[in-house]
PDB file of N, CA and C in Angstrom:
ATOM      1  N   MET A   1       0.564  -1.377  -0.146  1.00  0.00           N
ATOM      2  CA  MET A   1       0.101  -0.004   0.110  1.00  0.00           C
ATOM      3  C   MET A   1       0.956   1.191  -0.198  1.00  0.00           C
ATOM      4  N   ASP A   2       0.380   2.043  -0.621  1.00  0.00           N
ATOM      5  CA  ASP A   2       1.133   3.295  -1.166  1.00  0.00           C
ATOM      6  C   ASP A   2       0.966   4.153   0.446  1.00  0.00           C
ATOM      7  N   ILE A   3       2.359   4.946   1.050  1.00  0.00           N
ATOM      8  CA  ILE A   3       2.414   5.327   2.220  1.00  0.00           C
ATOM      9  C   ILE A   3       1.111   6.968   2.236  1.00  0.00           C
ATOM     10  N   ASN A   4       1.246   7.629   0.445  1.00  0.00           N
ATOM     11  CA  ASN A   4       0.833   8.780   0.331  1.00  0.00           C
ATOM     12  C   ASN A   4      -1.050   8.492   0.791  1.00  0.00           C
ATOM     13  N   LEU A   5      -1.493   6.886   0.205  1.00  0.00           N
ATOM     14  CA  LEU A   5      -2.924   6.436   0.315  1.00  0.00           C
ATOM     15  C   LEU A   5      -2.671   6.362   1.712  1.00  0.00           C
ATOM     16  N   LEU A   6      -2.528   6.048   2.545  1.00  0.00           N
ATOM     17  CA  LEU A   6      -2.229   5.791   3.659  1.00  0.00           C
ATOM     18  C   LEU A   6      -2.429   7.027   5.195  1.00  0.00           C
ATOM     19  N   ARG A   7      -1.564   8.056   3.909  1.00  0.00           N
ATOM     20  CA  ARG A   7      -1.380   9.379   4.906  1.00  0.00           C
ATOM     21  C   ARG A   7      -2.832  10.337   4.464  1.00  0.00           C
ATOM     22  N   GLY A   8      -3.645  10.336   3.383  1.00  0.00           N
ATOM     23  CA  GLY A   8      -4.856  10.864   2.946  1.00  0.00           C
ATOM     24  C   GLY A   8      -6.175  10.173   3.805  1.00  0.00           C
ATOM     25  N   ILE A   9      -6.039   8.630   3.851  1.00  0.00           N
ATOM     26  CA  ILE A   9      -6.834   8.127   4.763  1.00  0.00           C
ATOM     27  C   ILE A   9      -7.074   8.483   6.374  1.00  0.00           C
ATOM     28  N   LEU A  10      -5.283   8.663   6.868  1.00  0.00           N
ATOM     29  CA  LEU A  10      -5.669   9.532   8.132  1.00  0.00           C
ATOM     30  C   LEU A  10      -5.636  10.501   8.177  1.00  0.00           C
ATOM     31  N   LEU A  11      -5.989  11.319   7.135  1.00  0.00           N
ATOM     32  CA  LEU A  11      -5.708  12.650   7.231  1.00  0.00           C
ATOM     33  C   LEU A  11      -7.647  13.403   7.047  1.00  0.00           C
ATOM     34  N   VAL A  12      -8.045  11.838   6.890  1.00  0.00           N
ATOM     35  CA  VAL A  12      -9.703  12.379   6.758  1.00  0.00           C
ATOM     36  C   VAL A  12     -10.434  11.763   7.687  1.00  0.00           C
ATOM     37  N   LEU A  13     -10.034  10.953   8.772  1.00  0.00           N
ATOM     38  CA  LEU A  13     -10.301  10.706   9.848  1.00  0.00           C
ATOM     39  C   LEU A  13      -9.698  11.236  10.665  1.00  0.00           C
ATOM     40  N   LEU A  14      -8.534  12.223  10.730  1.00  0.00           N
ATOM     41  CA  LEU A  14      -8.487  13.310  11.400  1.00  0.00           C
ATOM     42  C   LEU A  14      -8.869  13.980  11.536  1.00  0.00           C
ATOM     43  N   ILE A  15     -10.294  14.802  10.179  1.00  0.00           N
ATOM     44  CA  ILE A  15     -10.640  15.545   9.767  1.00  0.00           C
ATOM     45  C   ILE A  15     -12.429  15.268  10.630  1.00  0.00           C
ATOM     46  N   ILE A  16     -12.541  14.185  10.245  1.00  0.00           N
ATOM     47  CA  ILE A  16     -14.126  13.023  10.500  1.00  0.00           C
ATOM     48  C   ILE A  16     -13.627  13.585  12.212  1.00  0.00           C
ATOM     49  N   GLY A  17     -12.936  13.112  12.688  1.00  0.00           N
ATOM     50  CA  GLY A  17     -12.938  13.306  14.370  1.00  0.00           C
ATOM     51  C   GLY A  17     -13.101  15.201  14.991  1.00  0.00           C
ATOM     52  N   PHE A  18     -12.212  16.206  13.912  1.00  0.00           N
ATOM     53  CA  PHE A  18     -12.263  16.386  14.523  1.00  0.00           C
ATOM     54  C   PHE A  18     -13.062  17.609  14.140  1.00  0.00           C
ATOM     55  N   LEU A  19     -14.530  17.785  13.148  1.00  0.00           N
ATOM     56  CA  LEU A  19     -15.561  17.955  13.157  1.00  0.00           C
ATOM     57  C   LEU A  19     -16.472  17.613  14.137  1.00  0.00           C
ATOM     58  N   GLY A  20     -16.057  15.958  14.333  1.00  0.00           N
ATOM     59  CA  GLY A  20     -17.405  15.516  15.467  1.00  0.00           C
ATOM     60  C   GLY A  20     -16.744  16.525  16.895  1.00  0.00           C
ATOM     61  N   LEU A  21     -15.954  16.045  17.227  1.00  0.00           N
ATOM     62  CA  LEU A  21     -15.367  17.298  18.467  1.00  0.00           C
ATOM     63  C   LEU A  21     -16.553  18.741  18.553  1.00  0.00           C
ATOM     64  N   VAL A  22     -16.240  19.182  17.186  1.00  0.00           N
ATOM     65  CA  VAL A  22     -16.406  20.774  17.585  1.00  0.00           C
ATOM     66  C   VAL A  22     -17.828  20.455  17.777  1.00  0.00           C
ATOM     67  N   ALA A  23     -18.693  19.562  16.783  1.00  0.00           N
ATOM     68  CA  ALA A  23     -20.057  19.765  16.531  1.00  0.00           C
ATOM     69  C   ALA A  23     -20.757  19.334  18.742  1.00  0.00           C
ATOM     70  N   TRP A  24     -19.743  18.507  19.203  1.00  0.00           N
ATOM     71  CA  TRP A  24     -19.692  17.974  20.358  1.00  0.00           C
ATOM     72  C   TRP A  24     -20.104  19.465  20.889  1.00  0.00           C
ATOM     73  N   ALA A  25     -18.543  19.877  21.346  1.00  0.00           N
ATOM     74  CA  ALA A  25     -18.929  20.776  21.883  1.00  0.00           C
ATOM     75  C   ALA A  25     -19.789  22.193  21.906  1.00  0.00           C
ATOM     76  N   TRP A  26     -20.313  22.294  21.064  1.00  0.00           N
ATOM     77  CA  TRP A  26     -21.073  23.318  20.786  1.00  0.00           C
ATOM     78  C   TRP A  26     -22.131  22.868  20.821  1.00  0.00           C
ATOM     79  N   SER A  27     -22.994  21.462  20.866  1.00  0.00           N
ATOM     80  CA  SER A  27     -24.326  20.937  20.820  1.00  0.00           C
ATOM     81  C   SER A  27     -25.111  21.664  22.395  1.00  0.00           C
ATOM     82  N   ARG A  28     -26.049  21.698  21.916  1.00  0.00           N
ATOM     83  CA  ARG A  28     -27.292  23.333  22.645  1.00  0.00           C
ATOM     84  C   ARG A  28     -27.382  21.914  24.044  1.00  0.00           C
ATOM     85  N   LYS A  29     -26.945  20.962  24.062  1.00  0.00           N
ATOM     86  CA  LYS A  29     -27.269  20.039  25.212  1.00  0.00           C
ATOM     87  C   LYS A  29     -25.681  19.356  25.951  1.00  0.00           C
ATOM     88  N   ARG A  30     -24.801  20.545  25.466  1.00  0.00           N
ATOM     89  CA  ARG A  30     -23.489  20.675  26.415  1.00  0.00           C
ATOM     90  C   ARG A  30     -23.696  22.014  27.576  1.00  0.00           C
ATOM     91  N   LYS A  31     -23.889  23.201  26.699  1.00  0.00           N
ATOM     92  CA  LYS A  31     -24.149  24.705  26.823  1.00  0.00           C
ATOM     93  C   LYS A  31     -24.262  24.746  29.090  1.00  0.00           C
ATOM     94  N   PRO A  32     -25.460  24.295  29.685  1.00  0.00           N
ATOM     95  CA  PRO A  32     -25.748  23.823  30.924  1.00  0.00           C
ATOM     96  C   PRO A  32     -23.732  23.806  31.798  1.00  0.00           C
ATOM     97  N   ASP A  33     -23.913  22.571  30.795  1.00  0.00           N
ATOM     98  CA  ASP A  33     -22.610  21.516  31.950  1.00  0.00           C
ATOM     99  C   ASP A  33     -21.084  23.129  31.811  1.00  0.00           C
ATOM    100  N   PHE A  34     -20.822  23.575  30.141  1.00  0.00           N
ATOM    101  CA  PHE A  34     -20.224  24.667  29.835  1.00  0.00           C
ATOM    102  C   PHE A  34     -20.120  25.751  31.201  1.00  0.00           C
ATOM    103  N   ASP A  35     -21.366  26.503  30.797  1.00  0.00           N
ATOM    104  CA  ASP A  35     -22.044  27.016  31.494  1.00  0.00           C
ATOM    105  C   ASP A  35     -21.269  27.106  32.445  1.00  0.00           C
ATOM    106  N   ALA A  36     -22.025  26.215  33.811  1.00  0.00           N
ATOM    107  CA  ALA A  36     -21.571  25.851  35.211  1.00  0.00           C
ATOM    108  C   ALA A  36     -19.958  25.739  35.109  1.00  0.00           C
ATOM    109  N   ALA A  37     -19.407  24.939  34.193  1.00  0.00           N
ATOM    110  CA  ALA A  37     -18.038  25.135  34.628  1.00  0.00           C
ATOM    111  C   ALA A  37     -17.634  26.457  34.317  1.00  0.00           C
ATOM    112  N   ALA A  38     -17.777  27.548  34.056  1.00  0.00           N
ATOM    113  CA  ALA A  38     -17.270  28.692  33.345  1.00  0.00           C
ATOM    114  C   ALA A  38     -17.320  29.979  34.668  1.00  0.00           C
ATOM    115  N   ARG A  39     -18.781  29.261  35.666  1.00  0.00           N
ATOM    116  CA  ARG A  39     -18.711  30.048  36.464  1.00  0.00           C
ATOM    117  C   ARG A  39     -18.008  29.561  37.696  1.00  0.00           C
ATOM    118  N   LEU A  40     -17.117  28.097  37.920  1.00  0.00           N
ATOM    119  CA  LEU A  40     -15.931  27.835  38.448  1.00  0.00           C
ATOM    120  C   LEU A  40     -15.640  28.316  39.334  1.00  0.00           C
ATOM    121  N   PRO A  41     -14.366  29.064  38.827  1.00  0.00           N
ATOM    122  CA  PRO A  41     -13.467  30.027  39.653  1.00  0.00           C
ATOM    123  C   PRO A  41     -13.946  30.970  40.064  1.00  0.00           C
ATOM    124  N   LEU A  42     -15.054  31.661  39.659  1.00  0.00           N
ATOM    125  CA  LEU A  42     -15.999  32.569  40.556  1.00  0.00           C
ATOM    126  C   LEU A  42     -16.962  32.735  41.629  1.00  0.00           C
ATOM    127  N   GLU A  43     -17.340  31.459  41.354  1.00  0.00           N
ATOM    128  CA  GLU A  43     -17.926  30.661  43.238  1.00  0.00           C
ATOM    129  C   GLU A  43     -17.124  31.297  44.281  1.00  0.00           C
ATOM    130  N   ASP A  44     -17.694  31.602  45.007  1.00  0.00           N
ATOM    131  CA  ASP A  44     -17.114  31.414  46.506  1.00  0.00           C
ATOM    132  C   ASP A  44     -16.397  30.119  46.989  1.00  0.00           C
ATOM    133  N   ASP A  45     -15.847  30.302  47.599  1.00  0.00           N
ATOM    134  CA  ASP A  45     -14.986  28.883  48.079  1.00  0.00           C
ATOM    135  C   ASP A  45     -14.789  29.163  50.183  1.00  0.00           C
ATOM    136  N   ASP A  46     -14.480  28.012  50.699  1.00  0.00           N
ATOM    137  CA  ASP A  46     -14.236  28.469  52.379  1.00  0.00           C
ATOM    138  C   ASP A  46     -12.968  28.590  52.620  1.00  0.00           C
ATOM    139  N   GLY A  47     -11.918  28.477  51.706  1.00  0.00           N
ATOM    140  CA  GLY A  47     -10.592  29.712  51.449  1.00  0.00           C
ATOM    141  C   GLY A  47     -10.325  28.214  52.517  1.00  0.00           C
ATOM    142  N   LYS A  48      -9.880  27.254  52.263  1.00  0.00           N
ATOM    143  CA  LYS A  48      -8.984  26.427  52.815  1.00  0.00           C
ATOM    144  C   LYS A  48      -8.349  25.644  51.420  1.00  0.00           C
ATOM    145  N   VAL A  49      -7.110  25.617  51.912  1.00  0.00           N
ATOM    146  CA  VAL A  49      -6.077  24.002  51.239  1.00  0.00           C
ATOM    147  C   VAL A  49      -6.495  22.997  50.880  1.00  0.00           C
ATOM    148  N   PRO A  50      -7.320  21.989  49.822  1.00  0.00           N
ATOM    149  CA  PRO A  50      -7.602  20.935  49.766  1.00  0.00           C
ATOM    150  C   PRO A  50      -6.477  20.384  50.147  1.00  0.00           C
ATOM    151  N   GLY A  51      -6.639  19.339  50.736  1.00  0.00           N
ATOM    152  CA  GLY A  51      -5.462  17.448  51.063  1.00  0.00           C
ATOM    153  C   GLY A  51      -4.784  18.223  52.581  1.00  0.00           C
ATOM    154  N   ARG A  52      -5.235  19.728  52.898  1.00  0.00           N
ATOM    155  CA  ARG A  52      -4.053  20.100  54.394  1.00  0.00           C
ATOM    156  C   ARG A  52      -5.366  20.237  55.329  1.00  0.00           C
ATOM    157  N   GLU A  53      -4.073  19.759  56.339  1.00  0.00           N
ATOM    158  CA  GLU A  53      -4.709  19.044  57.920  1.00  0.00           C
ATOM    159  C   GLU A  53      -5.084  20.595  58.327  1.00  0.00           C
ATOM    160  N   GLU A  54      -5.756  20.583  59.564  1.00  0.00           N
ATOM    161  CA  GLU A  54      -6.062  21.651  60.242  1.00  0.00           C
ATOM    162  C   GLU A  54      -5.060  21.533  61.227  1.00  0.00           C
ATOM    163  N   GLY A  55      -4.595  22.933  61.778  1.00  0.00           N
ATOM    164  CA  GLY A  55      -3.467  23.230  62.107  1.00  0.00           C
ATOM    165  C   GLY A  55      -1.974  22.819  61.905  1.00  0.00           C
ATOM    166  N   ARG A  56      -2.004  22.473  60.740  1.00  0.00           N
ATOM    167  CA  ARG A  56      -0.209  22.252  60.277  1.00  0.00           C
ATOM    168  C   ARG A  56      -0.152  23.369  59.208  1.00  0.00           C
ATOM    169  N   THR A  57       0.821  23.873  59.239  1.00  0.00           N
ATOM    170  CA  THR A  57       1.246  24.972  58.517  1.00  0.00           C
ATOM    171  C   THR A  57       1.974  24.854  57.687  1.00  0.00           C
TER     172      THR A  57
END
């Protein structure tokens, strides 16, 4: 099999995969999840560092 044919097939598969990923990311049913993730840095927390015990510095 010619290497250029394999490269062409791989290119087509990667383009299809990329378009599938874009369609998934921009679908309407994903919007609430992405909106919630976008608000995470703005939400208040309790000020504690995860994984750190009380009383230790």
